[in-house]
PDB file of N, CA and C in Angstrom:
ATOM      1  N   MET A   1    -374.317  84.447 -26.058  1.00  0.00           N
ATOM      2  CA  MET A   1    -374.407  83.285 -26.909  1.00  0.00           C
ATOM      3  C   MET A   1    -375.883  82.932 -27.037  1.00  0.00           C
ATOM      4  N   SER A   2    -376.293  82.648 -28.256  1.00  0.00           N
ATOM      5  CA  SER A   2    -377.702  82.348 -28.493  1.00  0.00           C
ATOM      6  C   SER A   2    -378.000  80.860 -28.303  1.00  0.00           C
ATOM      7  N   ASP A   3    -379.288  80.570 -28.195  1.00  0.00           N
ATOM      8  CA  ASP A   3    -379.697  79.164 -28.118  1.00  0.00           C
ATOM      9  C   ASP A   3    -379.305  78.428 -29.391  1.00  0.00           C
ATOM     10  N   ALA A   4    -379.360  79.110 -30.537  1.00  0.00           N
ATOM     11  CA  ALA A   4    -378.970  78.493 -31.809  1.00  0.00           C
ATOM     12  C   ALA A   4    -377.488  78.102 -31.785  1.00  0.00           C
ATOM     13  N   ASP A   5    -376.648  78.935 -31.175  1.00  0.00           N
ATOM     14  CA  ASP A   5    -375.224  78.611 -31.051  1.00  0.00           C
ATOM     15  C   ASP A   5    -375.044  77.367 -30.181  1.00  0.00           C
ATOM     16  N   ARG A   6    -375.753  77.326 -29.057  1.00  0.00           N
ATOM     17  CA  ARG A   6    -375.669  76.152 -28.172  1.00  0.00           C
ATOM     18  C   ARG A   6    -376.133  74.898 -28.903  1.00  0.00           C
ATOM     19  N   ASP A   7    -377.238  75.013 -29.640  1.00  0.00           N
ATOM     20  CA  ASP A   7    -377.757  73.861 -30.386  1.00  0.00           C
ATOM     21  C   ASP A   7    -376.762  73.377 -31.439  1.00  0.00           C
ATOM     22  N   ARG A   8    -376.130  74.313 -32.129  1.00  0.00           N
ATOM     23  CA  ARG A   8    -375.159  73.950 -33.164  1.00  0.00           C
ATOM     24  C   ARG A   8    -373.963  73.213 -32.551  1.00  0.00           C
ATOM     25  N   ILE A   9    -373.487  73.676 -31.411  1.00  0.00           N
ATOM     26  CA  ILE A   9    -372.358  73.026 -30.754  1.00  0.00           C
ATOM     27  C   ILE A   9    -372.783  71.678 -30.183  1.00  0.00           C
ATOM     28  N   ALA A  10    -373.977  71.612 -29.614  1.00  0.00           N
ATOM     29  CA  ALA A  10    -374.485  70.343 -29.083  1.00  0.00           C
ATOM     30  C   ALA A  10    -374.641  69.314 -30.208  1.00  0.00           C
ATOM     31  N   ASP A  11    -375.099  69.749 -31.374  1.00  0.00           N
ATOM     32  CA  ASP A  11    -375.219  68.843 -32.519  1.00  0.00           C
ATOM     33  C   ASP A  11    -373.852  68.300 -32.937  1.00  0.00           C
ATOM     34  N   ARG A  12    -372.860  69.146 -32.854  1.00  0.00           N
ATOM     35  CA  ARG A  12    -371.494  68.734 -33.200  1.00  0.00           C
ATOM     36  C   ARG A  12    -371.007  67.670 -32.227  1.00  0.00           C
ATOM     37  N   LEU A  13    -371.311  67.854 -30.947  1.00  0.00           N
ATOM     38  CA  LEU A  13    -370.934  66.862 -29.938  1.00  0.00           C
ATOM     39  C   LEU A  13    -371.678  65.552 -30.162  1.00  0.00           C
ATOM     40  N   ARG A  14    -372.971  65.641 -30.489  1.00  0.00           N
ATOM     41  CA  ARG A  14    -373.750  64.422 -30.752  1.00  0.00           C
ATOM     42  C   ARG A  14    -373.177  63.651 -31.933  1.00  0.00           C
ATOM     43  N   ALA A  15    -372.789  64.372 -32.974  1.00  0.00           N
ATOM     44  CA  ALA A  15    -372.194  63.723 -34.148  1.00  0.00           C
ATOM     45  C   ALA A  15    -370.886  63.038 -33.770  1.00  0.00           C
ATOM     46  N   ALA A  16    -370.055  63.713 -33.007  1.00  0.00           N
ATOM     47  CA  ALA A  16    -368.772  63.133 -32.598  1.00  0.00           C
ATOM     48  C   ALA A  16    -368.993  61.895 -31.731  1.00  0.00           C
ATOM     49  N   PHE A  17    -369.984  61.943 -30.859  1.00  0.00           N
ATOM     50  CA  PHE A  17    -370.302  60.787 -30.023  1.00  0.00           C
ATOM     51  C   PHE A  17    -370.779  59.633 -30.901  1.00  0.00           C
ATOM     52  N   GLY A  18    -371.632  59.924 -31.860  1.00  0.00           N
ATOM     53  CA  GLY A  18    -372.133  58.902 -32.776  1.00  0.00           C
ATOM     54  C   GLY A  18    -371.034  58.271 -33.617  1.00  0.00           C
ATOM     55  N   GLU A  19    -369.993  59.035 -33.903  1.00  0.00           N
ATOM     56  CA  GLU A  19    -368.854  58.533 -34.680  1.00  0.00           C
ATOM     57  C   GLU A  19    -367.847  57.803 -33.814  1.00  0.00           C
ATOM     58  N   GLY A  20    -368.081  57.774 -32.502  1.00  0.00           N
ATOM     59  CA  GLY A  20    -367.163  57.097 -31.596  1.00  0.00           C
ATOM     60  C   GLY A  20    -365.962  57.925 -31.193  1.00  0.00           C
ATOM     61  N   ARG A  21    -366.013  59.232 -31.423  1.00  0.00           N
ATOM     62  CA  ARG A  21    -364.888  60.112 -31.082  1.00  0.00           C
ATOM     63  C   ARG A  21    -364.899  60.530 -29.610  1.00  0.00           C
ATOM     64  N   LEU A  22    -366.056  60.404 -28.971  1.00  0.00           N
ATOM     65  CA  LEU A  22    -366.185  60.746 -27.553  1.00  0.00           C
ATOM     66  C   LEU A  22    -366.803  59.576 -26.810  1.00  0.00           C
ATOM     67  N   SER A  23    -366.323  59.350 -25.592  1.00  0.00           N
ATOM     68  CA  SER A  23    -366.954  58.340 -24.737  1.00  0.00           C
ATOM     69  C   SER A  23    -368.262  58.928 -24.209  1.00  0.00           C
ATOM     70  N   ALA A  24    -369.114  58.091 -23.679  1.00  0.00           N
ATOM     71  CA  ALA A  24    -370.382  58.564 -23.127  1.00  0.00           C
ATOM     72  C   ALA A  24    -370.131  59.562 -22.001  1.00  0.00           C
ATOM     73  N   GLU A  25    -369.150  59.278 -21.172  1.00  0.00           N
ATOM     74  CA  GLU A  25    -368.830  60.177 -20.055  1.00  0.00           C
ATOM     75  C   GLU A  25    -368.345  61.532 -20.559  1.00  0.00           C
ATOM     76  N   GLU A  26    -367.448  61.516 -21.547  1.00  0.00           N
ATOM     77  CA  GLU A  26    -366.926  62.774 -22.077  1.00  0.00           C
ATOM     78  C   GLU A  26    -368.024  63.564 -22.794  1.00  0.00           C
ATOM     79  N   PHE A  27    -368.881  62.864 -23.530  1.00  0.00           N
ATOM     80  CA  PHE A  27    -369.994  63.520 -24.199  1.00  0.00           C
ATOM     81  C   PHE A  27    -370.902  64.205 -23.179  1.00  0.00           C
ATOM     82  N   ASP A  28    -371.285  63.494 -22.139  1.00  0.00           N
ATOM     83  CA  ASP A  28    -372.162  64.064 -21.103  1.00  0.00           C
ATOM     84  C   ASP A  28    -371.529  65.290 -20.450  1.00  0.00           C
ATOM     85  N   GLU A  29    -370.251  65.187 -20.158  1.00  0.00           N
ATOM     86  CA  GLU A  29    -369.552  66.301 -19.509  1.00  0.00           C
ATOM     87  C   GLU A  29    -369.506  67.527 -20.418  1.00  0.00           C
ATOM     88  N   ARG A  30    -369.144  67.313 -21.677  1.00  0.00           N
ATOM     89  CA  ARG A  30    -369.054  68.442 -22.608  1.00  0.00           C
ATOM     90  C   ARG A  30    -370.430  69.042 -22.886  1.00  0.00           C
ATOM     91  N   LEU A  31    -371.428  68.190 -23.055  1.00  0.00           N
ATOM     92  CA  LEU A  31    -372.769  68.692 -23.333  1.00  0.00           C
ATOM     93  C   LEU A  31    -373.286  69.532 -22.166  1.00  0.00           C
ATOM     94  N   SER A  32    -373.053  69.086 -20.957  1.00  0.00           N
ATOM     95  CA  SER A  32    -373.460  69.863 -19.772  1.00  0.00           C
ATOM     96  C   SER A  32    -372.803  71.234 -19.771  1.00  0.00           C
ATOM     97  N   LYS A  33    -371.539  71.280 -20.118  1.00  0.00           N
ATOM     98  CA  LYS A  33    -370.817  72.553 -20.140  1.00  0.00           C
ATOM     99  C   LYS A  33    -371.333  73.461 -21.252  1.00  0.00           C
ATOM    100  N   VAL A  34    -371.655  72.875 -22.413  1.00  0.00           N
ATOM    101  CA  VAL A  34    -372.196  73.681 -23.516  1.00  0.00           C
ATOM    102  C   VAL A  34    -373.527  74.299 -23.108  1.00  0.00           C
ATOM    103  N   LEU A  35    -374.383  73.496 -22.509  1.00  0.00           N
ATOM    104  CA  LEU A  35    -375.703  73.991 -22.125  1.00  0.00           C
ATOM    105  C   LEU A  35    -375.632  75.051 -21.032  1.00  0.00           C
ATOM    106  N   ALA A  36    -374.573  75.020 -20.236  1.00  0.00           N
ATOM    107  CA  ALA A  36    -374.397  76.004 -19.168  1.00  0.00           C
ATOM    108  C   ALA A  36    -373.596  77.223 -19.617  1.00  0.00           C
ATOM    109  N   ALA A  37    -372.983  77.155 -20.786  1.00  0.00           N
ATOM    110  CA  ALA A  37    -372.123  78.242 -21.257  1.00  0.00           C
ATOM    111  C   ALA A  37    -372.924  79.526 -21.451  1.00  0.00           C
ATOM    112  N   ARG A  38    -372.328  80.611 -21.040  1.00  0.00           N
ATOM    113  CA  ARG A  38    -372.964  81.917 -21.205  1.00  0.00           C
ATOM    114  C   ARG A  38    -372.358  82.697 -22.354  1.00  0.00           C
ATOM    115  N   THR A  39    -371.142  82.312 -22.747  1.00  0.00           N
ATOM    116  CA  THR A  39    -370.490  82.990 -23.862  1.00  0.00           C
ATOM    117  C   THR A  39    -370.003  81.954 -24.860  1.00  0.00           C
ATOM    118  N   PHE A  40    -369.847  82.401 -26.091  1.00  0.00           N
ATOM    119  CA  PHE A  40    -369.332  81.520 -27.130  1.00  0.00           C
ATOM    120  C   PHE A  40    -367.918  81.063 -26.776  1.00  0.00           C
ATOM    121  N   GLY A  41    -367.154  81.930 -26.153  1.00  0.00           N
ATOM    122  CA  GLY A  41    -365.791  81.601 -25.762  1.00  0.00           C
ATOM    123  C   GLY A  41    -365.719  80.458 -24.757  1.00  0.00           C
ATOM    124  N   GLU A  42    -366.753  80.285 -23.944  1.00  0.00           N
ATOM    125  CA  GLU A  42    -366.792  79.169 -23.002  1.00  0.00           C
ATOM    126  C   GLU A  42    -367.118  77.852 -23.704  1.00  0.00           C
ATOM    127  N   ALA A  43    -367.911  77.912 -24.762  1.00  0.00           N
ATOM    128  CA  ALA A  43    -368.376  76.700 -25.442  1.00  0.00           C
ATOM    129  C   ALA A  43    -367.464  76.242 -26.573  1.00  0.00           C
ATOM    130  N   GLN A  44    -366.863  77.152 -27.283  1.00  0.00           N
ATOM    131  CA  GLN A  44    -366.048  76.812 -28.458  1.00  0.00           C
ATOM    132  C   GLN A  44    -364.939  75.804 -28.145  1.00  0.00           C
ATOM    133  N   PRO A  45    -364.216  75.927 -27.036  1.00  0.00           N
ATOM    134  CA  PRO A  45    -363.148  74.958 -26.756  1.00  0.00           C
ATOM    135  C   PRO A  45    -363.654  73.524 -26.580  1.00  0.00           C
ATOM    136  N   LEU A  46    -364.937  73.365 -26.321  1.00  0.00           N
ATOM    137  CA  LEU A  46    -365.490  72.029 -26.099  1.00  0.00           C
ATOM    138  C   LEU A  46    -365.603  71.225 -27.388  1.00  0.00           C
ATOM    139  N   VAL A  47    -365.475  71.890 -28.529  1.00  0.00           N
ATOM    140  CA  VAL A  47    -365.491  71.193 -29.823  1.00  0.00           C
ATOM    141  C   VAL A  47    -364.242  71.475 -30.642  1.00  0.00           C
ATOM    142  N   ALA A  48    -363.325  72.247 -30.103  1.00  0.00           N
ATOM    143  CA  ALA A  48    -362.134  72.658 -30.853  1.00  0.00           C
ATOM    144  C   ALA A  48    -361.282  71.483 -31.311  1.00  0.00           C
ATOM    145  N   ASP A  49    -361.293  70.383 -30.560  1.00  0.00           N
ATOM    146  CA  ASP A  49    -360.451  69.236 -30.913  1.00  0.00           C
ATOM    147  C   ASP A  49    -361.180  68.236 -31.821  1.00  0.00           C
ATOM    148  N   LEU A  50    -362.403  68.554 -32.228  1.00  0.00           N
ATOM    149  CA  LEU A  50    -363.171  67.647 -33.076  1.00  0.00           C
ATOM    150  C   LEU A  50    -363.040  68.044 -34.541  1.00  0.00           C
ATOM    151  N   PRO A  51    -363.136  67.077 -35.450  1.00  0.00           N
ATOM    152  CA  PRO A  51    -363.054  67.396 -36.878  1.00  0.00           C
ATOM    153  C   PRO A  51    -364.200  68.311 -37.306  1.00  0.00           C
ATOM    154  N   GLY A  52    -363.965  69.092 -38.321  1.00  0.00           N
ATOM    155  CA  GLY A  52    -365.008  69.955 -38.858  1.00  0.00           C
ATOM    156  C   GLY A  52    -364.730  71.431 -38.707  1.00  0.00           C
ATOM    157  N   GLY A  53    -363.640  71.771 -38.086  1.00  0.00           N
ATOM    158  CA  GLY A  53    -363.303  73.180 -37.947  1.00  0.00           C
ATOM    159  C   GLY A  53    -364.135  73.878 -36.882  1.00  0.00           C
ATOM    160  N   PRO A  54    -363.913  75.170 -36.737  1.00  0.00           N
ATOM    161  CA  PRO A  54    -364.609  75.922 -35.693  1.00  0.00           C
ATOM    162  C   PRO A  54    -366.100  76.052 -35.991  1.00  0.00           C
ATOM    163  N   VAL A  55    -366.868  76.177 -34.954  1.00  0.00           N
ATOM    164  CA  VAL A  55    -368.303  76.409 -35.077  1.00  0.00           C
ATOM    165  C   VAL A  55    -368.496  77.908 -35.163  1.00  0.00           C
ATOM    166  N   SER A  56    -369.277  78.355 -36.150  1.00  0.00           N
ATOM    167  CA  SER A  56    -369.459  79.792 -36.317  1.00  0.00           C
ATOM    168  C   SER A  56    -370.555  80.310 -35.402  1.00  0.00           C
ATOM    169  N   VAL A  57    -370.422  81.564 -35.073  1.00  0.00           N
ATOM    170  CA  VAL A  57    -371.408  82.238 -34.234  1.00  0.00           C
ATOM    171  C   VAL A  57    -372.528  82.715 -35.144  1.00  0.00           C
ATOM    172  N   SER A  58    -373.767  82.538 -34.701  1.00  0.00           N
ATOM    173  CA  SER A  58    -374.878  83.036 -35.501  1.00  0.00           C
ATOM    174  C   SER A  58    -374.901  84.551 -35.442  1.00  0.00           C
ATOM    175  N   ALA A  59    -375.332  85.144 -36.519  1.00  0.00           N
ATOM    176  CA  ALA A  59    -375.429  86.601 -36.564  1.00  0.00           C
ATOM    177  C   ALA A  59    -376.587  87.037 -35.692  1.00  0.00           C
ATOM    178  N   PRO A  60    -376.365  88.028 -34.863  1.00  0.00           N
ATOM    179  CA  PRO A  60    -377.464  88.488 -34.014  1.00  0.00           C
ATOM    180  C   PRO A  60    -378.565  89.087 -34.879  1.00  0.00           C
ATOM    181  N   GLU A  61    -379.788  88.849 -34.471  1.00  0.00           N
ATOM    182  CA  GLU A  61    -380.903  89.437 -35.199  1.00  0.00           C
ATOM    183  C   GLU A  61    -380.898  90.928 -34.947  1.00  0.00           C
ATOM    184  N   GLN A  62    -381.121  91.661 -36.000  1.00  0.00           N
ATOM    185  CA  GLN A  62    -381.123  93.102 -35.861  1.00  0.00           C
ATOM    186  C   GLN A  62    -382.552  93.577 -35.668  1.00  0.00           C
ATOM    187  N   ALA A  63    -382.785  94.171 -34.556  1.00  0.00           N
ATOM    188  CA  ALA A  63    -384.109  94.717 -34.280  1.00  0.00           C
ATOM    189  C   ALA A  63    -384.260  96.033 -35.022  1.00  0.00           C
ATOM    190  N   GLU A  64    -385.424  96.225 -35.559  1.00  0.00           N
ATOM    191  CA  GLU A  64    -385.680  97.486 -36.237  1.00  0.00           C
ATOM    192  C   GLU A  64    -385.953  98.544 -35.179  1.00  0.00           C
ATOM    193  N   LEU A  65    -385.227  99.629 -35.280  1.00  0.00           N
ATOM    194  CA  LEU A  65    -385.374 100.696 -34.294  1.00  0.00           C
ATOM    195  C   LEU A  65    -386.538 101.598 -34.702  1.00  0.00           C
ATOM    196  N   PRO A  66    -387.257 102.092 -33.709  1.00  0.00           N
ATOM    197  CA  PRO A  66    -388.345 103.024 -34.032  1.00  0.00           C
ATOM    198  C   PRO A  66    -387.755 104.343 -34.553  1.00  0.00           C
ATOM    199  N   PRO A  67    -388.535 105.062 -35.339  1.00  0.00           N
ATOM    200  CA  PRO A  67    -388.002 106.359 -35.841  1.00  0.00           C
ATOM    201  C   PRO A  67    -387.680 107.291 -34.684  1.00  0.00           C
ATOM    202  N   ARG A  68    -386.654 108.077 -34.874  1.00  0.00           N
ATOM    203  CA  ARG A  68    -386.263 109.053 -33.842  1.00  0.00           C
ATOM    204  C   ARG A  68    -387.213 110.247 -33.877  1.00  0.00           C
ATOM    205  N   PRO A  69    -387.620 110.705 -32.717  1.00  0.00           N
ATOM    206  CA  PRO A  69    -388.487 111.894 -32.700  1.00  0.00           C
ATOM    207  C   PRO A  69    -387.719 113.120 -33.171  1.00  0.00           C
ATOM    208  N   ARG A  70    -388.443 114.026 -33.801  1.00  0.00           N
ATOM    209  CA  ARG A  70    -387.790 115.258 -34.295  1.00  0.00           C
ATOM    210  C   ARG A  70    -387.986 116.404 -33.377  1.00  0.00           C
TER     211      ARG A  70
END
């Protein structure tokens, strides 16, 4: 999971907290878990019950490979 994925999910939690959908305690707990998540599968359930649908995974950056030796 990339930092961009964590940021996107954290932003979703902040929005839900601002809308009054999460208590301060629940927001803190979920945000801590998002920041500690190592996989998207660990973080996605933390926003699954919030409006807005699923959070998409960012496309991994494709590194350009060096030419193969002949």
